[in-house]
C-alpha atoms as a PDB file:
ATOM      1  CA  UNK A   1      -0.116  -0.331  -0.108  1.00  0.00           C
ATOM      2  CA  UNK A   2       1.142   3.541  -0.907  1.00  0.00           C
ATOM      3  CA  UNK A   3       2.605   5.705   2.109  1.00  0.00           C
ATOM      4  CA  UNK A   4      -0.028   8.694   1.033  1.00  0.00           C
ATOM      5  CA  UNK A   5       1.751  11.526   3.077  1.00  0.00           C
ATOM      6  CA  UNK A   6       5.188  11.001   1.461  1.00  0.00           C
ATOM      7  CA  UNK A   7       3.708  11.045  -2.320  1.00  0.00           C
ATOM      8  CA  UNK A   8       4.545  13.573  -5.031  1.00  0.00           C
ATOM      9  CA  UNK A   9       2.369  13.783  -8.061  1.00  0.00           C
ATOM     10  CA  UNK A  10       2.933  15.233 -11.244  1.00  0.00           C
ATOM     11  CA  UNK A  11       0.971  15.375 -14.164  1.00  0.00           C
ATOM     12  CA  UNK A  12       2.215  16.839 -17.700  1.00  0.00           C
ATOM     13  CA  UNK A  13      -0.036  17.196 -21.230  1.00  0.00           C
ATOM     14  CA  UNK A  14       2.334  16.213 -23.935  1.00  0.00           C
ATOM     15  CA  UNK A  15       1.244  17.196 -27.492  1.00  0.00           C
ATOM     16  CA  UNK A  16       0.164  14.677 -29.862  1.00  0.00           C
ATOM     17  CA  UNK A  17      -1.061  14.681 -33.449  1.00  0.00           C
ATOM     18  CA  UNK A  18      -4.151  15.570 -34.522  1.00  0.00           C
ATOM     19  CA  UNK A  19      -6.506  12.288 -34.876  1.00  0.00           C
ATOM     20  CA  UNK A  20      -8.662  11.374 -37.874  1.00  0.00           C
ATOM     21  CA  UNK A  21     -11.525   9.916 -35.580  1.00  0.00           C
ATOM     22  CA  UNK A  22     -13.540  12.526 -34.509  1.00  0.00           C
ATOM     23  CA  UNK A  23     -14.202  10.866 -31.351  1.00  0.00           C
ATOM     24  CA  UNK A  24     -10.529  10.493 -30.209  1.00  0.00           C
ATOM     25  CA  UNK A  25      -9.871  14.313 -31.535  1.00  0.00           C
ATOM     26  CA  UNK A  26     -12.224  15.526 -28.437  1.00  0.00           C
ATOM     27  CA  UNK A  27     -10.949  13.042 -26.391  1.00  0.00           C
ATOM     28  CA  UNK A  28      -7.365  14.262 -27.027  1.00  0.00           C
ATOM     29  CA  UNK A  29      -8.053  18.297 -27.286  1.00  0.00           C
ATOM     30  CA  UNK A  30      -6.953  20.190 -24.536  1.00  0.00           C
ATOM     31  CA  UNK A  31      -8.982  23.757 -24.009  1.00  0.00           C
ATOM     32  CA  UNK A  32      -6.121  24.732 -21.558  1.00  0.00           C
ATOM     33  CA  UNK A  33      -3.605  24.455 -24.195  1.00  0.00           C
ATOM     34  CA  UNK A  34      -5.453  25.120 -27.089  1.00  0.00           C
ATOM     35  CA  UNK A  35      -4.224  21.717 -28.784  1.00  0.00           C
ATOM     36  CA  UNK A  36      -4.068  18.200 -28.651  1.00  0.00           C
ATOM     37  CA  UNK A  37      -2.714  16.471 -26.051  1.00  0.00           C
ATOM     38  CA  UNK A  38      -2.319  13.332 -23.385  1.00  0.00           C
ATOM     39  CA  UNK A  39      -2.310  13.870 -19.950  1.00  0.00           C
ATOM     40  CA  UNK A  40       0.211  11.797 -18.165  1.00  0.00           C
ATOM     41  CA  UNK A  41       0.260  11.206 -14.191  1.00  0.00           C
ATOM     42  CA  UNK A  42       3.272   9.875 -12.110  1.00  0.00           C
ATOM     43  CA  UNK A  43       3.161   9.399  -8.323  1.00  0.00           C
ATOM     44  CA  UNK A  44       6.778   9.809  -7.253  1.00  0.00           C
ATOM     45  CA  UNK A  45       7.910   8.685  -3.769  1.00  0.00           C
ATOM     46  CA  UNK A  46      10.102  11.134  -1.644  1.00  0.00           C
ATOM     47  CA  UNK A  47      13.351   8.913  -2.120  1.00  0.00           C
ATOM     48  CA  UNK A  48      12.486   9.639  -6.410  1.00  0.00           C
ATOM     49  CA  UNK A  49      10.672   6.446  -7.195  1.00  0.00           C
ATOM     50  CA  UNK A  50       8.708   6.157  -9.747  1.00  0.00           C
ATOM     51  CA  UNK A  51       5.717   4.208  -8.005  1.00  0.00           C
ATOM     52  CA  UNK A  52       3.156   4.342 -10.334  1.00  0.00           C
ATOM     53  CA  UNK A  53       2.639   5.687 -13.853  1.00  0.00           C
ATOM     54  CA  UNK A  54      -0.506   6.667 -15.628  1.00  0.00           C
ATOM     55  CA  UNK A  55      -0.071   7.664 -19.698  1.00  0.00           C
END
């Protein structure tokens, strides 16, 4: 189990190429960045070990 008092959450949005499928375009579009992106989330321990990566 994770020690949630000592976890750092890091989220990054990385640009991706625009999809041809209209539903995929809607899912990938970031209104904040005004472009198509995918969010990547990482849970990192205090000792800088990656506990969990979610693409």
